[in-house]
Amino acid sequence: MARISVERAHGLGKEAAREKADQLAQKLSDQYGLEPQWSGDTLNLKRSGVKGAVHVSEDSIRVDVELGLMMSAMSGMIKSEIEKALDKALT
């Protein structure tokens, strides 16, 4: 099992950051079949073999992902994709 954690600072404020996280989750949902669900300021994402959460605060966004055994081999690529998507979403 592989764990990925990516954090980025932002100056958007919590509400705008939540909107960005929502847009990112929609993209992930469409591309990878992840099911997004908000719980407070945390957006939980899951599907078979993947569990993740996007934690939104006033000045940062952190993405934590747990990959099952089959997906662990692709953890480097997945982390890179998360970093790119997060950087793009926050600009």
PDB file of N, CA and C in Angstrom:
ATOM      1  N   MET A   1       0.840  -1.182   0.000  1.00  0.00           N
ATOM      2  CA  MET A   1       0.000   0.000   0.000  1.00  0.00           C
ATOM      3  C   MET A   1       0.886   1.247   0.000  1.00  0.00           C
ATOM      4  N   ALA A   2       0.596   2.174  -0.875  1.00  0.00           N
ATOM      5  CA  ALA A   2       1.383   3.412  -0.971  1.00  0.00           C
ATOM      6  C   ALA A   2       0.548   4.595  -0.495  1.00  0.00           C
ATOM      7  N   ARG A   3       1.233   5.522   0.142  1.00  0.00           N
ATOM      8  CA  ARG A   3       0.575   6.757   0.588  1.00  0.00           C
ATOM      9  C   ARG A   3       1.230   7.936  -0.106  1.00  0.00           C
ATOM     10  N   ILE A   4       0.391   8.864  -0.553  1.00  0.00           N
ATOM     11  CA  ILE A   4       0.863  10.074  -1.217  1.00  0.00           C
ATOM     12  C   ILE A   4       0.278  11.260  -0.467  1.00  0.00           C
ATOM     13  N   SER A   5       1.107  12.269  -0.234  1.00  0.00           N
ATOM     14  CA  SER A   5       0.628  13.494   0.399  1.00  0.00           C
ATOM     15  C   SER A   5       1.253  14.682  -0.314  1.00  0.00           C
ATOM     16  N   VAL A   6       0.400  15.596  -0.777  1.00  0.00           N
ATOM     17  CA  VAL A   6       0.856  16.794  -1.477  1.00  0.00           C
ATOM     18  C   VAL A   6       0.146  17.989  -0.858  1.00  0.00           C
ATOM     19  N   GLU A   7       0.918  19.012  -0.491  1.00  0.00           N
ATOM     20  CA  GLU A   7       0.323  20.206   0.114  1.00  0.00           C
ATOM     21  C   GLU A   7       0.797  21.445  -0.627  1.00  0.00           C
ATOM     22  N   ARG A   8      -0.130  22.372  -0.840  1.00  0.00           N
ATOM     23  CA  ARG A   8       0.189  23.634  -1.502  1.00  0.00           C
ATOM     24  C   ARG A   8      -0.446  24.784  -0.732  1.00  0.00           C
ATOM     25  N   ALA A   9       0.319  25.855  -0.579  1.00  0.00           N
ATOM     26  CA  ALA A   9      -0.208  27.075   0.034  1.00  0.00           C
ATOM     27  C   ALA A   9      -0.992  27.847  -1.026  1.00  0.00           C
ATOM     28  N   HIS A  10      -1.969  28.634  -0.575  1.00  0.00           N
ATOM     29  CA  HIS A  10      -2.722  29.471  -1.498  1.00  0.00           C
ATOM     30  C   HIS A  10      -3.139  30.753  -0.791  1.00  0.00           C
ATOM     31  N   GLY A  11      -3.538  31.734  -1.554  1.00  0.00           N
ATOM     32  CA  GLY A  11      -4.018  32.993  -0.985  1.00  0.00           C
ATOM     33  C   GLY A  11      -5.450  33.253  -1.395  1.00  0.00           C
ATOM     34  N   LEU A  12      -6.191  32.186  -1.648  1.00  0.00           N
ATOM     35  CA  LEU A  12      -7.551  32.303  -2.181  1.00  0.00           C
ATOM     36  C   LEU A  12      -8.619  32.512  -1.118  1.00  0.00           C
ATOM     37  N   GLY A  13      -8.339  32.135   0.113  1.00  0.00           N
ATOM     38  CA  GLY A  13      -9.385  32.091   1.136  1.00  0.00           C
ATOM     39  C   GLY A  13     -10.052  30.724   1.066  1.00  0.00           C
ATOM     40  N   LYS A  14     -10.726  30.350   2.140  1.00  0.00           N
ATOM     41  CA  LYS A  14     -11.278  29.000   2.237  1.00  0.00           C
ATOM     42  C   LYS A  14     -12.379  28.717   1.210  1.00  0.00           C
ATOM     43  N   GLU A  15     -13.306  29.653   1.006  1.00  0.00           N
ATOM     44  CA  GLU A  15     -14.419  29.406   0.082  1.00  0.00           C
ATOM     45  C   GLU A  15     -13.943  29.204  -1.351  1.00  0.00           C
ATOM     46  N   ALA A  16     -13.063  30.087  -1.827  1.00  0.00           N
ATOM     47  CA  ALA A  16     -12.537  29.957  -3.193  1.00  0.00           C
ATOM     48  C   ALA A  16     -11.734  28.667  -3.330  1.00  0.00           C
ATOM     49  N   ALA A  17     -10.997  28.304  -2.301  1.00  0.00           N
ATOM     50  CA  ALA A  17     -10.217  27.065  -2.329  1.00  0.00           C
ATOM     51  C   ALA A  17     -11.139  25.849  -2.377  1.00  0.00           C
ATOM     52  N   ARG A  18     -12.266  25.929  -1.673  1.00  0.00           N
ATOM     53  CA  ARG A  18     -13.251  24.830  -1.723  1.00  0.00           C
ATOM     54  C   ARG A  18     -13.800  24.662  -3.133  1.00  0.00           C
ATOM     55  N   GLU A  19     -14.062  25.791  -3.802  1.00  0.00           N
ATOM     56  CA  GLU A  19     -14.552  25.729  -5.181  1.00  0.00           C
ATOM     57  C   GLU A  19     -13.524  25.080  -6.094  1.00  0.00           C
ATOM     58  N   LYS A  20     -12.250  25.447  -5.920  1.00  0.00           N
ATOM     59  CA  LYS A  20     -11.174  24.853  -6.718  1.00  0.00           C
ATOM     60  C   LYS A  20     -11.081  23.349  -6.448  1.00  0.00           C
ATOM     61  N   ALA A  21     -11.204  22.961  -5.174  1.00  0.00           N
ATOM     62  CA  ALA A  21     -11.155  21.543  -4.814  1.00  0.00           C
ATOM     63  C   ALA A  21     -12.318  20.795  -5.451  1.00  0.00           C
ATOM     64  N   ASP A  22     -13.477  21.433  -5.477  1.00  0.00           N
ATOM     65  CA  ASP A  22     -14.664  20.836  -6.089  1.00  0.00           C
ATOM     66  C   ASP A  22     -14.446  20.611  -7.586  1.00  0.00           C
ATOM     67  N   GLN A  23     -13.872  21.609  -8.266  1.00  0.00           N
ATOM     68  CA  GLN A  23     -13.598  21.485  -9.698  1.00  0.00           C
ATOM     69  C   GLN A  23     -12.594  20.361  -9.955  1.00  0.00           C
ATOM     70  N   LEU A  24     -11.576  20.299  -9.121  1.00  0.00           N
ATOM     71  CA  LEU A  24     -10.571  19.252  -9.239  1.00  0.00           C
ATOM     72  C   LEU A  24     -11.210  17.875  -9.021  1.00  0.00           C
ATOM     73  N   ALA A  25     -12.082  17.770  -8.037  1.00  0.00           N
ATOM     74  CA  ALA A  25     -12.751  16.500  -7.738  1.00  0.00           C
ATOM     75  C   ALA A  25     -13.630  16.057  -8.907  1.00  0.00           C
ATOM     76  N   GLN A  26     -14.303  17.010  -9.563  1.00  0.00           N
ATOM     77  CA  GLN A  26     -15.136  16.665 -10.716  1.00  0.00           C
ATOM     78  C   GLN A  26     -14.286  16.075 -11.832  1.00  0.00           C
ATOM     79  N   LYS A  27     -13.123  16.684 -12.047  1.00  0.00           N
ATOM     80  CA  LYS A  27     -12.213  16.199 -13.081  1.00  0.00           C
ATOM     81  C   LYS A  27     -11.737  14.780 -12.742  1.00  0.00           C
ATOM     82  N   LEU A  28     -11.359  14.577 -11.484  1.00  0.00           N
ATOM     83  CA  LEU A  28     -10.904  13.250 -11.054  1.00  0.00           C
ATOM     84  C   LEU A  28     -12.028  12.225 -11.145  1.00  0.00           C
ATOM     85  N   SER A  29     -13.227  12.661 -10.816  1.00  0.00           N
ATOM     86  CA  SER A  29     -14.384  11.786 -10.891  1.00  0.00           C
ATOM     87  C   SER A  29     -14.628  11.346 -12.328  1.00  0.00           C
ATOM     88  N   ASP A  30     -14.570  12.307 -13.248  1.00  0.00           N
ATOM     89  CA  ASP A  30     -14.792  11.997 -14.662  1.00  0.00           C
ATOM     90  C   ASP A  30     -13.692  11.092 -15.221  1.00  0.00           C
ATOM     91  N   GLN A  31     -12.437  11.395 -14.869  1.00  0.00           N
ATOM     92  CA  GLN A  31     -11.303  10.651 -15.422  1.00  0.00           C
ATOM     93  C   GLN A  31     -11.112   9.276 -14.795  1.00  0.00           C
ATOM     94  N   TYR A  32     -11.262   9.209 -13.470  1.00  0.00           N
ATOM     95  CA  TYR A  32     -10.883   7.976 -12.764  1.00  0.00           C
ATOM     96  C   TYR A  32     -12.017   7.299 -12.009  1.00  0.00           C
ATOM     97  N   GLY A  33     -13.212   7.832 -12.096  1.00  0.00           N
ATOM     98  CA  GLY A  33     -14.340   7.201 -11.428  1.00  0.00           C
ATOM     99  C   GLY A  33     -14.340   7.346  -9.916  1.00  0.00           C
ATOM    100  N   LEU A  34     -13.631   8.355  -9.412  1.00  0.00           N
ATOM    101  CA  LEU A  34     -13.623   8.601  -7.967  1.00  0.00           C
ATOM    102  C   LEU A  34     -14.932   9.260  -7.551  1.00  0.00           C
ATOM    103  N   GLU A  35     -15.451   8.861  -6.410  1.00  0.00           N
ATOM    104  CA  GLU A  35     -16.697   9.434  -5.904  1.00  0.00           C
ATOM    105  C   GLU A  35     -16.384  10.484  -4.846  1.00  0.00           C
ATOM    106  N   PRO A  36     -16.648  11.782  -5.140  1.00  0.00           N
ATOM    107  CA  PRO A  36     -16.368  12.840  -4.163  1.00  0.00           C
ATOM    108  C   PRO A  36     -17.515  13.041  -3.177  1.00  0.00           C
ATOM    109  N   GLN A  37     -17.167  13.327  -1.922  1.00  0.00           N
ATOM    110  CA  GLN A  37     -18.174  13.615  -0.902  1.00  0.00           C
ATOM    111  C   GLN A  37     -17.569  14.539   0.149  1.00  0.00           C
ATOM    112  N   TRP A  38     -18.208  15.702   0.343  1.00  0.00           N
ATOM    113  CA  TRP A  38     -17.724  16.665   1.343  1.00  0.00           C
ATOM    114  C   TRP A  38     -18.092  16.229   2.753  1.00  0.00           C
ATOM    115  N   SER A  39     -17.174  16.456   3.669  1.00  0.00           N
ATOM    116  CA  SER A  39     -17.405  16.268   5.097  1.00  0.00           C
ATOM    117  C   SER A  39     -16.707  17.433   5.792  1.00  0.00           C
ATOM    118  N   GLY A  40     -17.449  18.498   6.062  1.00  0.00           N
ATOM    119  CA  GLY A  40     -16.844  19.720   6.604  1.00  0.00           C
ATOM    120  C   GLY A  40     -15.959  20.344   5.551  1.00  0.00           C
ATOM    121  N   ASP A  41     -14.697  20.584   5.882  1.00  0.00           N
ATOM    122  CA  ASP A  41     -13.745  21.163   4.930  1.00  0.00           C
ATOM    123  C   ASP A  41     -12.866  20.103   4.280  1.00  0.00           C
ATOM    124  N   THR A  42     -13.297  18.866   4.330  1.00  0.00           N
ATOM    125  CA  THR A  42     -12.550  17.765   3.726  1.00  0.00           C
ATOM    126  C   THR A  42     -13.402  17.117   2.645  1.00  0.00           C
ATOM    127  N   LEU A  43     -12.804  16.994   1.474  1.00  0.00           N
ATOM    128  CA  LEU A  43     -13.469  16.336   0.351  1.00  0.00           C
ATOM    129  C   LEU A  43     -12.898  14.928   0.244  1.00  0.00           C
ATOM    130  N   ASN A  44     -13.715  13.934   0.563  1.00  0.00           N
ATOM    131  CA  ASN A  44     -13.278  12.543   0.503  1.00  0.00           C
ATOM    132  C   ASN A  44     -13.531  11.979  -0.888  1.00  0.00           C
ATOM    133  N   LEU A  45     -12.561  11.218  -1.367  1.00  0.00           N
ATOM    134  CA  LEU A  45     -12.644  10.603  -2.687  1.00  0.00           C
ATOM    135  C   LEU A  45     -12.349   9.120  -2.540  1.00  0.00           C
ATOM    136  N   LYS A  46     -13.144   8.286  -3.218  1.00  0.00           N
ATOM    137  CA  LYS A  46     -12.827   6.861  -3.140  1.00  0.00           C
ATOM    138  C   LYS A  46     -13.345   6.102  -4.348  1.00  0.00           C
ATOM    139  N   ARG A  47     -12.690   5.004  -4.574  1.00  0.00           N
ATOM    140  CA  ARG A  47     -13.091   4.006  -5.554  1.00  0.00           C
ATOM    141  C   ARG A  47     -12.305   2.757  -5.217  1.00  0.00           C
ATOM    142  N   SER A  48     -12.563   1.695  -5.883  1.00  0.00           N
ATOM    143  CA  SER A  48     -11.857   0.455  -5.596  1.00  0.00           C
ATOM    144  C   SER A  48     -10.347   0.642  -5.741  1.00  0.00           C
ATOM    145  N   GLY A  49      -9.599   0.363  -4.682  1.00  0.00           N
ATOM    146  CA  GLY A  49      -8.145   0.452  -4.710  1.00  0.00           C
ATOM    147  C   GLY A  49      -7.571   1.826  -4.417  1.00  0.00           C
ATOM    148  N   VAL A  50      -8.431   2.832  -4.248  1.00  0.00           N
ATOM    149  CA  VAL A  50      -7.955   4.194  -4.002  1.00  0.00           C
ATOM    150  C   VAL A  50      -8.856   4.871  -2.972  1.00  0.00           C
ATOM    151  N   LYS A  51      -8.210   5.490  -1.969  1.00  0.00           N
ATOM    152  CA  LYS A  51      -8.925   6.306  -0.980  1.00  0.00           C
ATOM    153  C   LYS A  51      -8.161   7.601  -0.851  1.00  0.00           C
ATOM    154  N   GLY A  52      -8.866   8.721  -0.897  1.00  0.00           N
ATOM    155  CA  GLY A  52      -8.171   9.991  -0.789  1.00  0.00           C
ATOM    156  C   GLY A  52      -9.001  11.043  -0.109  1.00  0.00           C
ATOM    157  N   ALA A  53      -8.340  12.143   0.243  1.00  0.00           N
ATOM    158  CA  ALA A  53      -9.021  13.266   0.876  1.00  0.00           C
ATOM    159  C   ALA A  53      -8.310  14.551   0.482  1.00  0.00           C
ATOM    160  N   VAL A  54      -9.106  15.576   0.241  1.00  0.00           N
ATOM    161  CA  VAL A  54      -8.581  16.912  -0.041  1.00  0.00           C
ATOM    162  C   VAL A  54      -8.973  17.774   1.149  1.00  0.00           C
ATOM    163  N   HIS A  55      -7.980  18.221   1.914  1.00  0.00           N
ATOM    164  CA  HIS A  55      -8.220  19.028   3.111  1.00  0.00           C
ATOM    165  C   HIS A  55      -8.024  20.500   2.749  1.00  0.00           C
ATOM    166  N   VAL A  56      -9.076  21.289   2.921  1.00  0.00           N
ATOM    167  CA  VAL A  56      -9.042  22.699   2.543  1.00  0.00           C
ATOM    168  C   VAL A  56      -8.997  23.555   3.803  1.00  0.00           C
ATOM    169  N   SER A  57      -8.013  24.460   3.858  1.00  0.00           N
ATOM    170  CA  SER A  57      -7.954  25.420   4.964  1.00  0.00           C
ATOM    171  C   SER A  57      -7.864  26.820   4.378  1.00  0.00           C
ATOM    172  N   GLU A  58      -7.813  27.797   5.232  1.00  0.00           N
ATOM    173  CA  GLU A  58      -7.790  29.203   4.817  1.00  0.00           C
ATOM    174  C   GLU A  58      -6.609  29.518   3.899  1.00  0.00           C
ATOM    175  N   ASP A  59      -5.460  28.840   4.131  1.00  0.00           N
ATOM    176  CA  ASP A  59      -4.267  29.192   3.367  1.00  0.00           C
ATOM    177  C   ASP A  59      -3.520  28.016   2.737  1.00  0.00           C
ATOM    178  N   SER A  60      -4.117  26.818   2.772  1.00  0.00           N
ATOM    179  CA  SER A  60      -3.460  25.677   2.121  1.00  0.00           C
ATOM    180  C   SER A  60      -4.474  24.605   1.726  1.00  0.00           C
ATOM    181  N   ILE A  61      -4.041  23.771   0.803  1.00  0.00           N
ATOM    182  CA  ILE A  61      -4.812  22.589   0.403  1.00  0.00           C
ATOM    183  C   ILE A  61      -3.852  21.411   0.477  1.00  0.00           C
ATOM    184  N   ARG A  62      -4.300  20.334   1.124  1.00  0.00           N
ATOM    185  CA  ARG A  62      -3.485  19.125   1.221  1.00  0.00           C
ATOM    186  C   ARG A  62      -4.275  17.957   0.633  1.00  0.00           C
ATOM    187  N   VAL A  63      -3.624  17.196  -0.214  1.00  0.00           N
ATOM    188  CA  VAL A  63      -4.235  16.010  -0.810  1.00  0.00           C
ATOM    189  C   VAL A  63      -3.514  14.788  -0.257  1.00  0.00           C
ATOM    190  N   ASP A  64      -4.270  13.902   0.378  1.00  0.00           N
ATOM    191  CA  ASP A  64      -3.725  12.640   0.888  1.00  0.00           C
ATOM    192  C   ASP A  64      -4.396  11.503   0.136  1.00  0.00           C
ATOM    193  N   VAL A  65      -3.591  10.567  -0.349  1.00  0.00           N
ATOM    194  CA  VAL A  65      -4.129   9.443  -1.109  1.00  0.00           C
ATOM    195  C   VAL A  65      -3.503   8.152  -0.603  1.00  0.00           C
ATOM    196  N   GLU A  66      -4.335   7.142  -0.467  1.00  0.00           N
ATOM    197  CA  GLU A  66      -3.879   5.785  -0.135  1.00  0.00           C
ATOM    198  C   GLU A  66      -4.181   4.899  -1.323  1.00  0.00           C
ATOM    199  N   LEU A  67      -3.156   4.257  -1.840  1.00  0.00           N
ATOM    200  CA  LEU A  67      -3.330   3.379  -2.990  1.00  0.00           C
ATOM    201  C   LEU A  67      -3.281   1.929  -2.557  1.00  0.00           C
ATOM    202  N   GLY A  68      -4.178   1.137  -3.087  1.00  0.00           N
ATOM    203  CA  GLY A  68      -4.177  -0.287  -2.821  1.00  0.00           C
ATOM    204  C   GLY A  68      -2.993  -0.954  -3.514  1.00  0.00           C
ATOM    205  N   LEU A  69      -2.846  -2.226  -3.331  1.00  0.00           N
ATOM    206  CA  LEU A  69      -1.711  -2.983  -3.836  1.00  0.00           C
ATOM    207  C   LEU A  69      -1.525  -2.842  -5.349  1.00  0.00           C
ATOM    208  N   MET A  70      -2.591  -2.953  -6.105  1.00  0.00           N
ATOM    209  CA  MET A  70      -2.495  -2.892  -7.564  1.00  0.00           C
ATOM    210  C   MET A  70      -2.077  -1.511  -8.057  1.00  0.00           C
ATOM    211  N   MET A  71      -2.533  -0.453  -7.394  1.00  0.00           N
ATOM    212  CA  MET A  71      -2.252   0.917  -7.818  1.00  0.00           C
ATOM    213  C   MET A  71      -0.909   1.427  -7.293  1.00  0.00           C
ATOM    214  N   SER A  72      -0.337   0.765  -6.310  1.00  0.00           N
ATOM    215  CA  SER A  72       0.914   1.217  -5.695  1.00  0.00           C
ATOM    216  C   SER A  72       2.054   1.336  -6.694  1.00  0.00           C
ATOM    217  N   ALA A  73       2.066   0.483  -7.688  1.00  0.00           N
ATOM    218  CA  ALA A  73       3.131   0.520  -8.688  1.00  0.00           C
ATOM    219  C   ALA A  73       3.125   1.830  -9.475  1.00  0.00           C
ATOM    220  N   MET A  74       1.991   2.488  -9.519  1.00  0.00           N
ATOM    221  CA  MET A  74       1.875   3.737 -10.279  1.00  0.00           C
ATOM    222  C   MET A  74       1.918   4.962  -9.370  1.00  0.00           C
ATOM    223  N   SER A  75       2.381   4.819  -8.140  1.00  0.00           N
ATOM    224  CA  SER A  75       2.329   5.918  -7.173  1.00  0.00           C
ATOM    225  C   SER A  75       3.121   7.144  -7.614  1.00  0.00           C
ATOM    226  N   GLY A  76       4.277   6.954  -8.234  1.00  0.00           N
ATOM    227  CA  GLY A  76       5.085   8.089  -8.697  1.00  0.00           C
ATOM    228  C   GLY A  76       4.348   8.908  -9.744  1.00  0.00           C
ATOM    229  N   MET A  77       3.743   8.232 -10.697  1.00  0.00           N
ATOM    230  CA  MET A  77       2.999   8.902 -11.745  1.00  0.00           C
ATOM    231  C   MET A  77       1.764   9.604 -11.173  1.00  0.00           C
ATOM    232  N   ILE A  78       1.088   8.935 -10.266  1.00  0.00           N
ATOM    233  CA  ILE A  78      -0.115   9.502  -9.658  1.00  0.00           C
ATOM    234  C   ILE A  78       0.240  10.748  -8.846  1.00  0.00           C
ATOM    235  N   LYS A  79       1.337  10.692  -8.084  1.00  0.00           N
ATOM    236  CA  LYS A  79       1.757  11.858  -7.305  1.00  0.00           C
ATOM    237  C   LYS A  79       2.070  13.034  -8.229  1.00  0.00           C
ATOM    238  N   SER A  80       2.753  12.768  -9.310  1.00  0.00           N
ATOM    239  CA  SER A  80       3.090  13.806 -10.278  1.00  0.00           C
ATOM    240  C   SER A  80       1.832  14.438 -10.869  1.00  0.00           C
ATOM    241  N   GLU A  81       0.841  13.621 -11.193  1.00  0.00           N
ATOM    242  CA  GLU A  81      -0.418  14.120 -11.742  1.00  0.00           C
ATOM    243  C   GLU A  81      -1.167  14.978 -10.719  1.00  0.00           C
ATOM    244  N   ILE A  82      -1.153  14.561  -9.463  1.00  0.00           N
ATOM    245  CA  ILE A  82      -1.809  15.334  -8.402  1.00  0.00           C
ATOM    246  C   ILE A  82      -1.125  16.689  -8.260  1.00  0.00           C
ATOM    247  N   GLU A  83       0.214  16.688  -8.251  1.00  0.00           N
ATOM    248  CA  GLU A  83       0.959  17.944  -8.130  1.00  0.00           C
ATOM    249  C   GLU A  83       0.636  18.897  -9.270  1.00  0.00           C
ATOM    250  N   LYS A  84       0.629  18.377 -10.496  1.00  0.00           N
ATOM    251  CA  LYS A  84       0.323  19.216 -11.665  1.00  0.00           C
ATOM    252  C   LYS A  84      -1.095  19.767 -11.586  1.00  0.00           C
ATOM    253  N   ALA A  85      -2.054  18.901 -11.270  1.00  0.00           N
ATOM    254  CA  ALA A  85      -3.458  19.326 -11.213  1.00  0.00           C
ATOM    255  C   ALA A  85      -3.669  20.362 -10.113  1.00  0.00           C
ATOM    256  N   LEU A  86      -3.033  20.168  -8.975  1.00  0.00           N
ATOM    257  CA  LEU A  86      -3.175  21.094  -7.857  1.00  0.00           C
ATOM    258  C   LEU A  86      -2.535  22.445  -8.195  1.00  0.00           C
ATOM    259  N   ASP A  87      -1.349  22.410  -8.775  1.00  0.00           N
ATOM    260  CA  ASP A  87      -0.685  23.656  -9.175  1.00  0.00           C
ATOM    261  C   ASP A  87      -1.523  24.423 -10.196  1.00  0.00           C
ATOM    262  N   LYS A  88      -2.083  23.701 -11.149  1.00  0.00           N
ATOM    263  CA  LYS A  88      -2.918  24.330 -12.182  1.00  0.00           C
ATOM    264  C   LYS A  88      -4.196  24.903 -11.575  1.00  0.00           C
ATOM    265  N   ALA A  89      -4.814  24.168 -10.665  1.00  0.00           N
ATOM    266  CA  ALA A  89      -6.075  24.608 -10.050  1.00  0.00           C
ATOM    267  C   ALA A  89      -5.886  25.854  -9.195  1.00  0.00           C
ATOM    268  N   LEU A  90      -4.710  26.013  -8.602  1.00  0.00           N
ATOM    269  CA  LEU A  90      -4.486  27.133  -7.685  1.00  0.00           C
ATOM    270  C   LEU A  90      -3.910  28.379  -8.346  1.00  0.00           C
ATOM    271  N   THR A  91      -3.731  28.345  -9.664  1.00  0.00           N
ATOM    272  CA  THR A  91      -3.211  29.546 -10.342  1.00  0.00           C
ATOM    273  C   THR A  91      -4.316  30.378 -10.920  1.00  0.00           C
TER     274      THR A  91
END
